[in-house]
PDB file of N, CA and C in Angstrom:
ATOM      1  N   MET A   1      -8.593 121.146  26.356  1.00  0.00           N
ATOM      2  CA  MET A   1      -9.446 120.583  25.532  1.00  0.00           C
ATOM      3  C   MET A   1     -10.950 121.376  26.196  1.00  0.00           C
ATOM      4  N   ALA A   2     -11.830 121.548  25.176  1.00  0.00           N
ATOM      5  CA  ALA A   2     -12.924 122.331  25.858  1.00  0.00           C
ATOM      6  C   ALA A   2     -14.103 121.037  26.316  1.00  0.00           C
ATOM      7  N   ASN A   3     -15.484 121.486  26.413  1.00  0.00           N
ATOM      8  CA  ASN A   3     -16.355 120.696  26.977  1.00  0.00           C
ATOM      9  C   ASN A   3     -16.956 119.780  26.031  1.00  0.00           C
ATOM     10  N   ASP A   4     -16.254 119.199  25.017  1.00  0.00           N
ATOM     11  CA  ASP A   4     -16.968 118.388  24.030  1.00  0.00           C
ATOM     12  C   ASP A   4     -16.894 117.124  24.595  1.00  0.00           C
ATOM     13  N   VAL A   5     -16.645 116.423  25.610  1.00  0.00           N
ATOM     14  CA  VAL A   5     -16.594 115.650  26.649  1.00  0.00           C
ATOM     15  C   VAL A   5     -17.599 115.480  27.571  1.00  0.00           C
ATOM     16  N   ILE A   6     -18.490 114.678  27.873  1.00  0.00           N
ATOM     17  CA  ILE A   6     -19.477 114.519  28.762  1.00  0.00           C
ATOM     18  C   ILE A   6     -19.027 113.074  29.624  1.00  0.00           C
ATOM     19  N   ILE A   7     -19.226 112.978  30.963  1.00  0.00           N
ATOM     20  CA  ILE A   7     -19.189 111.859  31.784  1.00  0.00           C
ATOM     21  C   ILE A   7     -20.485 111.538  32.414  1.00  0.00           C
ATOM     22  N   TRP A   8     -21.013 110.439  32.242  1.00  0.00           N
ATOM     23  CA  TRP A   8     -22.364 110.247  33.296  1.00  0.00           C
ATOM     24  C   TRP A   8     -21.589 109.738  34.523  1.00  0.00           C
ATOM     25  N   HIS A   9     -21.606 110.594  35.587  1.00  0.00           N
ATOM     26  CA  HIS A   9     -20.933 110.363  36.685  1.00  0.00           C
ATOM     27  C   HIS A   9     -21.546 110.094  38.115  1.00  0.00           C
ATOM     28  N   ASN A  10     -21.201 109.304  38.970  1.00  0.00           N
ATOM     29  CA  ASN A  10     -21.485 109.153  40.056  1.00  0.00           C
ATOM     30  C   ASN A  10     -20.349 109.462  41.070  1.00  0.00           C
ATOM     31  N   PRO A  11     -20.644 110.613  41.623  1.00  0.00           N
ATOM     32  CA  PRO A  11     -19.017 110.809  42.599  1.00  0.00           C
ATOM     33  C   PRO A  11     -18.830 109.918  43.784  1.00  0.00           C
ATOM     34  N   ARG A  12     -19.988 108.771  43.866  1.00  0.00           N
ATOM     35  CA  ARG A  12     -19.820 107.776  44.916  1.00  0.00           C
ATOM     36  C   ARG A  12     -19.053 106.621  44.628  1.00  0.00           C
ATOM     37  N   CYS A  13     -18.991 106.525  43.182  1.00  0.00           N
ATOM     38  CA  CYS A  13     -18.316 105.054  42.801  1.00  0.00           C
ATOM     39  C   CYS A  13     -17.028 105.744  42.329  1.00  0.00           C
ATOM     40  N   SER A  14     -16.255 104.387  42.692  1.00  0.00           N
ATOM     41  CA  SER A  14     -14.507 104.608  42.603  1.00  0.00           C
ATOM     42  C   SER A  14     -14.183 104.675  41.122  1.00  0.00           C
ATOM     43  N   LYS A  15     -14.740 103.720  40.288  1.00  0.00           N
ATOM     44  CA  LYS A  15     -14.605 103.632  38.988  1.00  0.00           C
ATOM     45  C   LYS A  15     -14.913 104.978  37.987  1.00  0.00           C
ATOM     46  N   SER A  16     -16.102 105.576  38.512  1.00  0.00           N
ATOM     47  CA  SER A  16     -16.442 106.919  38.028  1.00  0.00           C
ATOM     48  C   SER A  16     -15.040 108.019  38.396  1.00  0.00           C
ATOM     49  N   ARG A  17     -14.838 108.041  39.821  1.00  0.00           N
ATOM     50  CA  ARG A  17     -14.215 108.906  40.060  1.00  0.00           C
ATOM     51  C   ARG A  17     -12.695 108.826  39.555  1.00  0.00           C
ATOM     52  N   GLU A  18     -12.322 107.414  39.268  1.00  0.00           N
ATOM     53  CA  GLU A  18     -10.917 107.261  38.458  1.00  0.00           C
ATOM     54  C   GLU A  18     -10.998 107.469  37.029  1.00  0.00           C
ATOM     55  N   ALA A  19     -12.354 107.487  36.130  1.00  0.00           N
ATOM     56  CA  ALA A  19     -12.271 108.001  34.742  1.00  0.00           C
ATOM     57  C   ALA A  19     -12.425 109.422  34.889  1.00  0.00           C
ATOM     58  N   LEU A  20     -12.790 110.037  35.803  1.00  0.00           N
ATOM     59  CA  LEU A  20     -12.960 111.356  35.524  1.00  0.00           C
ATOM     60  C   LEU A  20     -11.410 111.965  36.115  1.00  0.00           C
ATOM     61  N   LYS A  21     -10.836 111.432  36.911  1.00  0.00           N
ATOM     62  CA  LYS A  21      -9.334 111.803  37.089  1.00  0.00           C
ATOM     63  C   LYS A  21      -8.398 111.544  35.746  1.00  0.00           C
ATOM     64  N   ILE A  22      -8.631 110.584  35.193  1.00  0.00           N
ATOM     65  CA  ILE A  22      -7.990 110.184  33.904  1.00  0.00           C
ATOM     66  C   ILE A  22      -8.097 111.287  32.910  1.00  0.00           C
ATOM     67  N   LEU A  23      -9.376 111.764  32.805  1.00  0.00           N
ATOM     68  CA  LEU A  23      -9.692 112.765  31.975  1.00  0.00           C
ATOM     69  C   LEU A  23      -8.962 114.094  32.140  1.00  0.00           C
ATOM     70  N   GLU A  24      -9.276 114.268  33.686  1.00  0.00           N
ATOM     71  CA  GLU A  24      -8.320 115.584  33.877  1.00  0.00           C
ATOM     72  C   GLU A  24      -6.966 115.615  34.133  1.00  0.00           C
ATOM     73  N   GLU A  25      -6.285 114.383  34.059  1.00  0.00           N
ATOM     74  CA  GLU A  25      -4.961 114.334  33.974  1.00  0.00           C
ATOM     75  C   GLU A  25      -4.565 114.474  32.303  1.00  0.00           C
ATOM     76  N   LYS A  26      -5.294 114.358  31.604  1.00  0.00           N
ATOM     77  CA  LYS A  26      -4.943 114.396  30.066  1.00  0.00           C
ATOM     78  C   LYS A  26      -5.760 115.572  29.848  1.00  0.00           C
ATOM     79  N   GLY A  27      -5.830 116.697  30.623  1.00  0.00           N
ATOM     80  CA  GLY A  27      -6.314 118.272  30.408  1.00  0.00           C
ATOM     81  C   GLY A  27      -7.558 118.239  29.864  1.00  0.00           C
ATOM     82  N   ILE A  28      -8.270 117.215  30.238  1.00  0.00           N
ATOM     83  CA  ILE A  28     -10.040 117.520  29.462  1.00  0.00           C
ATOM     84  C   ILE A  28     -10.827 117.722  30.818  1.00  0.00           C
ATOM     85  N   GLU A  29     -11.550 118.929  30.748  1.00  0.00           N
ATOM     86  CA  GLU A  29     -12.577 119.233  31.787  1.00  0.00           C
ATOM     87  C   GLU A  29     -13.811 119.006  31.355  1.00  0.00           C
ATOM     88  N   PRO A  30     -14.466 117.531  31.520  1.00  0.00           N
ATOM     89  CA  PRO A  30     -15.607 117.028  30.799  1.00  0.00           C
ATOM     90  C   PRO A  30     -16.856 117.982  31.378  1.00  0.00           C
ATOM     91  N   LYS A  31     -17.854 117.671  30.759  1.00  0.00           N
ATOM     92  CA  LYS A  31     -19.263 118.229  31.369  1.00  0.00           C
ATOM     93  C   LYS A  31     -19.660 116.953  32.464  1.00  0.00           C
ATOM     94  N   ILE A  32     -19.768 117.183  33.321  1.00  0.00           N
ATOM     95  CA  ILE A  32     -20.298 116.173  34.432  1.00  0.00           C
ATOM     96  C   ILE A  32     -21.677 116.401  34.488  1.00  0.00           C
ATOM     97  N   TYR A  33     -22.094 114.951  33.934  1.00  0.00           N
ATOM     98  CA  TYR A  33     -23.913 114.747  34.307  1.00  0.00           C
ATOM     99  C   TYR A  33     -23.975 113.971  35.291  1.00  0.00           C
ATOM    100  N   ARG A  34     -24.529 114.441  36.312  1.00  0.00           N
ATOM    101  CA  ARG A  34     -24.987 113.444  37.506  1.00  0.00           C
ATOM    102  C   ARG A  34     -26.134 112.675  37.373  1.00  0.00           C
ATOM    103  N   TYR A  35     -26.197 111.642  36.599  1.00  0.00           N
ATOM    104  CA  TYR A  35     -27.290 111.010  36.040  1.00  0.00           C
ATOM    105  C   TYR A  35     -28.271 110.597  37.230  1.00  0.00           C
ATOM    106  N   LEU A  36     -27.599 110.332  38.409  1.00  0.00           N
ATOM    107  CA  LEU A  36     -28.424 109.952  39.392  1.00  0.00           C
ATOM    108  C   LEU A  36     -29.278 111.155  40.031  1.00  0.00           C
ATOM    109  N   ASP A  37     -28.992 112.250  39.966  1.00  0.00           N
ATOM    110  CA  ASP A  37     -29.448 113.511  40.291  1.00  0.00           C
ATOM    111  C   ASP A  37     -30.410 114.017  39.278  1.00  0.00           C
ATOM    112  N   GLU A  38     -29.946 113.882  38.013  1.00  0.00           N
ATOM    113  CA  GLU A  38     -30.624 114.666  37.016  1.00  0.00           C
ATOM    114  C   GLU A  38     -31.816 113.694  36.018  1.00  0.00           C
ATOM    115  N   HIS A  39     -31.531 112.321  36.478  1.00  0.00           N
ATOM    116  CA  HIS A  39     -32.495 111.343  35.752  1.00  0.00           C
ATOM    117  C   HIS A  39     -32.790 111.575  34.293  1.00  0.00           C
ATOM    118  N   PRO A  40     -31.611 110.838  33.564  1.00  0.00           N
ATOM    119  CA  PRO A  40     -31.674 110.818  32.028  1.00  0.00           C
ATOM    120  C   PRO A  40     -33.383 110.553  31.367  1.00  0.00           C
ATOM    121  N   THR A  41     -33.276 110.865  30.464  1.00  0.00           N
ATOM    122  CA  THR A  41     -34.685 110.600  29.623  1.00  0.00           C
ATOM    123  C   THR A  41     -34.830 109.242  28.894  1.00  0.00           C
ATOM    124  N   LYS A  42     -35.816 108.799  28.381  1.00  0.00           N
ATOM    125  CA  LYS A  42     -35.403 107.498  27.626  1.00  0.00           C
ATOM    126  C   LYS A  42     -34.596 107.742  26.401  1.00  0.00           C
ATOM    127  N   GLU A  43     -34.887 108.955  25.826  1.00  0.00           N
ATOM    128  CA  GLU A  43     -34.308 109.343  24.714  1.00  0.00           C
ATOM    129  C   GLU A  43     -32.867 109.694  24.997  1.00  0.00           C
ATOM    130  N   GLU A  44     -32.404 109.994  25.830  1.00  0.00           N
ATOM    131  CA  GLU A  44     -31.075 110.137  26.220  1.00  0.00           C
ATOM    132  C   GLU A  44     -30.024 108.727  26.453  1.00  0.00           C
ATOM    133  N   ILE A  45     -31.016 107.833  27.002  1.00  0.00           N
ATOM    134  CA  ILE A  45     -30.572 106.618  27.200  1.00  0.00           C
ATOM    135  C   ILE A  45     -30.537 105.972  25.806  1.00  0.00           C
ATOM    136  N   LYS A  46     -31.368 105.914  24.812  1.00  0.00           N
ATOM    137  CA  LYS A  46     -31.433 105.558  23.590  1.00  0.00           C
ATOM    138  C   LYS A  46     -30.169 106.028  22.760  1.00  0.00           C
ATOM    139  N   GLU A  47     -30.086 107.233  22.920  1.00  0.00           N
ATOM    140  CA  GLU A  47     -28.922 107.526  22.111  1.00  0.00           C
ATOM    141  C   GLU A  47     -27.698 107.265  22.680  1.00  0.00           C
ATOM    142  N   VAL A  48     -27.141 107.152  24.036  1.00  0.00           N
ATOM    143  CA  VAL A  48     -26.304 106.515  24.728  1.00  0.00           C
ATOM    144  C   VAL A  48     -25.743 105.251  24.284  1.00  0.00           C
ATOM    145  N   LEU A  49     -27.133 104.585  23.904  1.00  0.00           N
ATOM    146  CA  LEU A  49     -27.152 103.097  23.682  1.00  0.00           C
ATOM    147  C   LEU A  49     -26.364 103.134  22.207  1.00  0.00           C
ATOM    148  N   LYS A  50     -26.843 103.742  21.602  1.00  0.00           N
ATOM    149  CA  LYS A  50     -26.661 104.057  19.882  1.00  0.00           C
ATOM    150  C   LYS A  50     -25.152 104.215  19.837  1.00  0.00           C
ATOM    151  N   LEU A  51     -24.682 105.195  20.668  1.00  0.00           N
ATOM    152  CA  LEU A  51     -23.125 105.817  20.622  1.00  0.00           C
ATOM    153  C   LEU A  51     -22.290 104.413  20.955  1.00  0.00           C
ATOM    154  N   LEU A  52     -22.887 103.723  22.146  1.00  0.00           N
ATOM    155  CA  LEU A  52     -22.038 102.743  22.307  1.00  0.00           C
ATOM    156  C   LEU A  52     -22.091 101.461  21.802  1.00  0.00           C
ATOM    157  N   GLY A  53     -23.161 101.430  20.804  1.00  0.00           N
ATOM    158  CA  GLY A  53     -23.148 100.109  19.993  1.00  0.00           C
ATOM    159  C   GLY A  53     -23.755  98.937  20.806  1.00  0.00           C
ATOM    160  N   VAL A  54     -24.424  99.318  21.785  1.00  0.00           N
ATOM    161  CA  VAL A  54     -25.082  98.070  22.969  1.00  0.00           C
ATOM    162  C   VAL A  54     -26.488  98.100  23.097  1.00  0.00           C
ATOM    163  N   GLY A  55     -26.726  96.915  23.637  1.00  0.00           N
ATOM    164  CA  GLY A  55     -28.132  96.617  24.101  1.00  0.00           C
ATOM    165  C   GLY A  55     -28.380  97.493  25.563  1.00  0.00           C
ATOM    166  N   PRO A  56     -29.540  97.789  26.150  1.00  0.00           N
ATOM    167  CA  PRO A  56     -29.642  98.383  27.327  1.00  0.00           C
ATOM    168  C   PRO A  56     -29.352  97.238  28.502  1.00  0.00           C
ATOM    169  N   ARG A  57     -29.513  95.810  28.308  1.00  0.00           N
ATOM    170  CA  ARG A  57     -28.870  95.218  29.425  1.00  0.00           C
ATOM    171  C   ARG A  57     -27.369  95.124  29.493  1.00  0.00           C
ATOM    172  N   ASP A  58     -26.446  95.883  28.464  1.00  0.00           N
ATOM    173  CA  ASP A  58     -25.119  95.968  28.437  1.00  0.00           C
ATOM    174  C   ASP A  58     -24.777  96.964  29.146  1.00  0.00           C
ATOM    175  N   ILE A  59     -25.585  98.028  29.708  1.00  0.00           N
ATOM    176  CA  ILE A  59     -25.088  98.893  30.443  1.00  0.00           C
ATOM    177  C   ILE A  59     -26.068  99.139  31.760  1.00  0.00           C
ATOM    178  N   MET A  60     -26.509  97.642  32.144  1.00  0.00           N
ATOM    179  CA  MET A  60     -27.268  97.528  33.388  1.00  0.00           C
ATOM    180  C   MET A  60     -26.506  97.029  34.447  1.00  0.00           C
ATOM    181  N   ARG A  61     -26.700  97.670  35.862  1.00  0.00           N
ATOM    182  CA  ARG A  61     -26.115  96.900  36.897  1.00  0.00           C
ATOM    183  C   ARG A  61     -26.857  95.705  37.168  1.00  0.00           C
ATOM    184  N   THR A  62     -26.429  94.605  36.842  1.00  0.00           N
ATOM    185  CA  THR A  62     -27.561  93.611  37.305  1.00  0.00           C
ATOM    186  C   THR A  62     -27.296  92.838  38.800  1.00  0.00           C
ATOM    187  N   LYS A  63     -26.393  93.341  39.361  1.00  0.00           N
ATOM    188  CA  LYS A  63     -26.279  93.157  40.444  1.00  0.00           C
ATOM    189  C   LYS A  63     -27.267  94.124  41.640  1.00  0.00           C
ATOM    190  N   GLU A  64     -27.955  95.157  41.217  1.00  0.00           N
ATOM    191  CA  GLU A  64     -28.426  95.698  42.047  1.00  0.00           C
ATOM    192  C   GLU A  64     -29.577  95.246  42.764  1.00  0.00           C
ATOM    193  N   ALA A  65     -30.039  95.695  43.809  1.00  0.00           N
ATOM    194  CA  ALA A  65     -31.187  95.225  44.697  1.00  0.00           C
ATOM    195  C   ALA A  65     -32.534  95.281  43.545  1.00  0.00           C
ATOM    196  N   VAL A  66     -32.812  96.602  42.987  1.00  0.00           N
ATOM    197  CA  VAL A  66     -34.024  96.606  42.247  1.00  0.00           C
ATOM    198  C   VAL A  66     -33.900  96.031  40.943  1.00  0.00           C
ATOM    199  N   TYR A  67     -32.975  95.851  40.568  1.00  0.00           N
ATOM    200  CA  TYR A  67     -32.737  94.874  39.318  1.00  0.00           C
ATOM    201  C   TYR A  67     -33.334  93.435  39.675  1.00  0.00           C
ATOM    202  N   LYS A  68     -33.052  93.005  40.456  1.00  0.00           N
ATOM    203  CA  LYS A  68     -33.737  91.607  40.986  1.00  0.00           C
ATOM    204  C   LYS A  68     -35.080  91.797  41.557  1.00  0.00           C
ATOM    205  N   GLU A  69     -35.500  93.091  42.212  1.00  0.00           N
ATOM    206  CA  GLU A  69     -36.978  93.248  42.866  1.00  0.00           C
ATOM    207  C   GLU A  69     -37.531  93.353  41.614  1.00  0.00           C
ATOM    208  N   LEU A  70     -37.603  94.031  40.542  1.00  0.00           N
ATOM    209  CA  LEU A  70     -38.360  94.473  39.459  1.00  0.00           C
ATOM    210  C   LEU A  70     -38.218  93.205  38.217  1.00  0.00           C
ATOM    211  N   GLY A  71     -37.491  92.216  38.724  1.00  0.00           N
ATOM    212  CA  GLY A  71     -37.558  90.733  37.825  1.00  0.00           C
ATOM    213  C   GLY A  71     -37.102  91.225  36.441  1.00  0.00           C
ATOM    214  N   LEU A  72     -35.970  92.008  36.415  1.00  0.00           N
ATOM    215  CA  LEU A  72     -35.610  92.356  34.883  1.00  0.00           C
ATOM    216  C   LEU A  72     -34.669  91.339  34.091  1.00  0.00           C
ATOM    217  N   LYS A  73     -34.568  90.359  35.159  1.00  0.00           N
ATOM    218  CA  LYS A  73     -33.607  89.259  34.490  1.00  0.00           C
ATOM    219  C   LYS A  73     -34.460  88.480  33.339  1.00  0.00           C
ATOM    220  N   ASP A  74     -35.698  88.497  33.465  1.00  0.00           N
ATOM    221  CA  ASP A  74     -36.360  87.758  32.732  1.00  0.00           C
ATOM    222  C   ASP A  74     -37.377  88.714  31.550  1.00  0.00           C
ATOM    223  N   VAL A  75     -36.818  89.939  31.649  1.00  0.00           N
ATOM    224  CA  VAL A  75     -37.511  90.811  30.620  1.00  0.00           C
ATOM    225  C   VAL A  75     -36.463  90.802  29.288  1.00  0.00           C
ATOM    226  N   ASP A  76     -37.319  90.462  28.410  1.00  0.00           N
ATOM    227  CA  ASP A  76     -36.651  90.366  26.705  1.00  0.00           C
ATOM    228  C   ASP A  76     -37.031  91.724  26.239  1.00  0.00           C
ATOM    229  N   ASP A  77     -38.037  92.539  26.530  1.00  0.00           N
ATOM    230  CA  ASP A  77     -38.498  93.902  25.801  1.00  0.00           C
ATOM    231  C   ASP A  77     -37.041  95.009  26.088  1.00  0.00           C
ATOM    232  N   ASP A  78     -36.652  95.559  25.387  1.00  0.00           N
ATOM    233  CA  ASP A  78     -35.773  96.549  25.320  1.00  0.00           C
ATOM    234  C   ASP A  78     -36.382  97.837  25.880  1.00  0.00           C
ATOM    235  N   GLU A  79     -37.442  98.038  25.448  1.00  0.00           N
ATOM    236  CA  GLU A  79     -38.141  99.477  25.804  1.00  0.00           C
ATOM    237  C   GLU A  79     -38.236  99.535  27.328  1.00  0.00           C
ATOM    238  N   LYS A  80     -38.703  98.282  28.110  1.00  0.00           N
ATOM    239  CA  LYS A  80     -39.013  97.856  29.379  1.00  0.00           C
ATOM    240  C   LYS A  80     -37.859  98.213  30.197  1.00  0.00           C
ATOM    241  N   LEU A  81     -36.872  97.602  29.303  1.00  0.00           N
ATOM    242  CA  LEU A  81     -35.455  97.896  30.315  1.00  0.00           C
ATOM    243  C   LEU A  81     -34.885  99.488  30.380  1.00  0.00           C
ATOM    244  N   ILE A  82     -35.136  99.691  29.252  1.00  0.00           N
ATOM    245  CA  ILE A  82     -34.891 101.349  29.029  1.00  0.00           C
ATOM    246  C   ILE A  82     -35.679 102.061  30.084  1.00  0.00           C
ATOM    247  N   GLU A  83     -37.126 101.630  30.018  1.00  0.00           N
ATOM    248  CA  GLU A  83     -37.978 102.541  31.046  1.00  0.00           C
ATOM    249  C   GLU A  83     -37.520 102.294  32.598  1.00  0.00           C
ATOM    250  N   ALA A  84     -36.936 100.902  32.892  1.00  0.00           N
ATOM    251  CA  ALA A  84     -36.568 100.798  34.149  1.00  0.00           C
ATOM    252  C   ALA A  84     -35.407 101.666  34.597  1.00  0.00           C
ATOM    253  N   MET A  85     -34.604 101.649  33.705  1.00  0.00           N
ATOM    254  CA  MET A  85     -33.497 102.911  33.806  1.00  0.00           C
ATOM    255  C   MET A  85     -33.869 104.119  33.913  1.00  0.00           C
ATOM    256  N   VAL A  86     -34.957 104.565  33.271  1.00  0.00           N
ATOM    257  CA  VAL A  86     -35.328 105.755  33.373  1.00  0.00           C
ATOM    258  C   VAL A  86     -35.918 106.125  35.015  1.00  0.00           C
ATOM    259  N   GLU A  87     -36.551 105.192  35.182  1.00  0.00           N
ATOM    260  CA  GLU A  87     -37.066 105.380  36.659  1.00  0.00           C
ATOM    261  C   GLU A  87     -36.213 105.039  37.855  1.00  0.00           C
ATOM    262  N   HIS A  88     -35.113 104.285  37.428  1.00  0.00           N
ATOM    263  CA  HIS A  88     -34.344 103.858  38.403  1.00  0.00           C
ATOM    264  C   HIS A  88     -33.190 103.853  37.969  1.00  0.00           C
ATOM    265  N   PRO A  89     -32.209 105.091  37.860  1.00  0.00           N
ATOM    266  CA  PRO A  89     -30.774 105.375  37.332  1.00  0.00           C
ATOM    267  C   PRO A  89     -29.727 104.831  37.946  1.00  0.00           C
ATOM    268  N   ARG A  90     -30.196 104.187  38.920  1.00  0.00           N
ATOM    269  CA  ARG A  90     -29.189 103.409  39.814  1.00  0.00           C
ATOM    270  C   ARG A  90     -28.419 102.343  39.002  1.00  0.00           C
ATOM    271  N   LEU A  91     -29.827 101.769  38.026  1.00  0.00           N
ATOM    272  CA  LEU A  91     -29.450 100.439  37.055  1.00  0.00           C
ATOM    273  C   LEU A  91     -28.353 100.995  36.229  1.00  0.00           C
ATOM    274  N   ILE A  92     -28.182 102.178  35.913  1.00  0.00           N
ATOM    275  CA  ILE A  92     -27.241 102.639  34.913  1.00  0.00           C
ATOM    276  C   ILE A  92     -25.576 102.269  35.266  1.00  0.00           C
ATOM    277  N   GLU A  93     -25.131 101.217  34.739  1.00  0.00           N
ATOM    278  CA  GLU A  93     -23.521 101.257  35.009  1.00  0.00           C
ATOM    279  C   GLU A  93     -22.917 102.480  34.288  1.00  0.00           C
ATOM    280  N   ARG A  94     -21.666 102.870  35.403  1.00  0.00           N
ATOM    281  CA  ARG A  94     -20.987 103.911  35.323  1.00  0.00           C
ATOM    282  C   ARG A  94     -19.618 103.548  35.386  1.00  0.00           C
ATOM    283  N   PRO A  95     -18.715 104.757  34.681  1.00  0.00           N
ATOM    284  CA  PRO A  95     -19.280 105.653  34.125  1.00  0.00           C
ATOM    285  C   PRO A  95     -19.322 105.790  32.795  1.00  0.00           C
ATOM    286  N   ILE A  96     -20.219 106.685  32.034  1.00  0.00           N
ATOM    287  CA  ILE A  96     -20.195 106.197  30.616  1.00  0.00           C
ATOM    288  C   ILE A  96     -19.486 107.790  30.145  1.00  0.00           C
ATOM    289  N   VAL A  97     -18.769 107.738  29.116  1.00  0.00           N
ATOM    290  CA  VAL A  97     -18.224 109.073  28.515  1.00  0.00           C
ATOM    291  C   VAL A  97     -18.477 109.063  27.128  1.00  0.00           C
ATOM    292  N   ILE A  98     -18.782 110.349  26.676  1.00  0.00           N
ATOM    293  CA  ILE A  98     -19.467 110.612  25.486  1.00  0.00           C
ATOM    294  C   ILE A  98     -18.354 111.557  24.985  1.00  0.00           C
ATOM    295  N   LYS A  99     -17.887 111.437  23.736  1.00  0.00           N
ATOM    296  CA  LYS A  99     -17.326 112.539  23.096  1.00  0.00           C
ATOM    297  C   LYS A  99     -17.506 112.680  21.707  1.00  0.00           C
ATOM    298  N   GLY A 100     -18.508 113.411  21.271  1.00  0.00           N
ATOM    299  CA  GLY A 100     -18.995 113.348  19.564  1.00  0.00           C
ATOM    300  C   GLY A 100     -19.976 112.448  19.460  1.00  0.00           C
ATOM    301  N   ASN A 101     -19.533 111.565  18.476  1.00  0.00           N
ATOM    302  CA  ASN A 101     -20.587 110.629  18.177  1.00  0.00           C
ATOM    303  C   ASN A 101     -19.937 109.233  18.412  1.00  0.00           C
ATOM    304  N   LYS A 102     -19.281 109.479  19.696  1.00  0.00           N
ATOM    305  CA  LYS A 102     -18.690 108.056  20.174  1.00  0.00           C
ATOM    306  C   LYS A 102     -18.680 107.967  21.859  1.00  0.00           C
ATOM    307  N   ALA A 103     -18.936 106.952  22.313  1.00  0.00           N
ATOM    308  CA  ALA A 103     -19.166 106.636  23.579  1.00  0.00           C
ATOM    309  C   ALA A 103     -18.381 105.318  23.962  1.00  0.00           C
ATOM    310  N   VAL A 104     -17.649 105.370  25.617  1.00  0.00           N
ATOM    311  CA  VAL A 104     -17.131 104.440  26.121  1.00  0.00           C
ATOM    312  C   VAL A 104     -17.967 104.279  27.421  1.00  0.00           C
ATOM    313  N   LEU A 105     -17.926 102.816  27.921  1.00  0.00           N
ATOM    314  CA  LEU A 105     -18.089 102.428  29.223  1.00  0.00           C
ATOM    315  C   LEU A 105     -17.308 102.255  30.057  1.00  0.00           C
ATOM    316  N   GLY A 106     -16.580 103.340  30.889  1.00  0.00           N
ATOM    317  CA  GLY A 106     -15.430 103.422  31.524  1.00  0.00           C
ATOM    318  C   GLY A 106     -15.166 101.909  32.740  1.00  0.00           C
ATOM    319  N   ARG A 107     -15.219 100.855  32.081  1.00  0.00           N
ATOM    320  CA  ARG A 107     -14.882  99.616  32.961  1.00  0.00           C
ATOM    321  C   ARG A 107     -14.026  98.660  32.260  1.00  0.00           C
ATOM    322  N   PRO A 108     -12.745  98.826  32.528  1.00  0.00           N
ATOM    323  CA  PRO A 108     -11.848  99.547  33.402  1.00  0.00           C
ATOM    324  C   PRO A 108     -11.949 101.170  33.061  1.00  0.00           C
ATOM    325  N   PRO A 109     -11.626 101.888  33.969  1.00  0.00           N
ATOM    326  CA  PRO A 109     -11.708 103.360  33.806  1.00  0.00           C
ATOM    327  C   PRO A 109     -10.649 103.949  32.508  1.00  0.00           C
ATOM    328  N   GLU A 110      -9.556 103.157  32.497  1.00  0.00           N
ATOM    329  CA  GLU A 110      -8.744 103.129  31.296  1.00  0.00           C
ATOM    330  C   GLU A 110      -9.138 103.201  29.948  1.00  0.00           C
ATOM    331  N   LYS A 111     -10.377 102.695  29.966  1.00  0.00           N
ATOM    332  CA  LYS A 111     -11.226 102.571  28.891  1.00  0.00           C
ATOM    333  C   LYS A 111     -11.490 103.874  28.073  1.00  0.00           C
ATOM    334  N   VAL A 112     -11.346 105.021  29.074  1.00  0.00           N
ATOM    335  CA  VAL A 112     -11.800 106.103  28.463  1.00  0.00           C
ATOM    336  C   VAL A 112     -10.562 106.926  27.646  1.00  0.00           C
ATOM    337  N   ILE A 113      -9.321 106.391  27.853  1.00  0.00           N
ATOM    338  CA  ILE A 113      -8.281 106.912  27.220  1.00  0.00           C
ATOM    339  C   ILE A 113      -8.649 106.567  25.388  1.00  0.00           C
ATOM    340  N   GLU A 114      -9.126 105.291  25.081  1.00  0.00           N
ATOM    341  CA  GLU A 114      -9.374 105.049  23.957  1.00  0.00           C
ATOM    342  C   GLU A 114     -10.250 106.008  23.133  1.00  0.00           C
ATOM    343  N   LEU A 115     -11.232 106.673  23.837  1.00  0.00           N
ATOM    344  CA  LEU A 115     -11.964 107.691  23.400  1.00  0.00           C
ATOM    345  C   LEU A 115     -11.457 109.147  22.944  1.00  0.00           C
ATOM    346  N   ILE A 116     -10.442 109.300  23.917  1.00  0.00           N
ATOM    347  CA  ILE A 116      -9.876 110.736  23.794  1.00  0.00           C
ATOM    348  C   ILE A 116      -8.575 110.812  23.395  1.00  0.00           C
ATOM    349  N   LYS A 117      -8.384 109.915  22.356  1.00  0.00           N
ATOM    350  CA  LYS A 117      -6.828 109.910  21.364  1.00  0.00           C
ATOM    351  C   LYS A 117      -6.998 111.007  20.611  1.00  0.00           C
TER     352      LYS A 117
END
């Protein structure tokens, strides 16, 4: 299968590595988007949210220190939450796997199988 699959990947995350391994075992070589290095734009995050069908907080790592430091628990404005993820991509839960007009959050990593059937 070609590069029609993209994984928002953090190689230091075991769940992200597991999801990548599942894809590779299925013969899929995804385009690897190292979002911590490349920093997604506000538009890219909005697109992923749309594909996932969720709100910003649903893909946020709420246990990250920066989440608490920025007081994001008390923020109700989606735009502000997205801006926080743009500035601090560490807040984005991983892995996110995208195929065409669908996406899944790979937690647990086996969820990526639903996407590639």
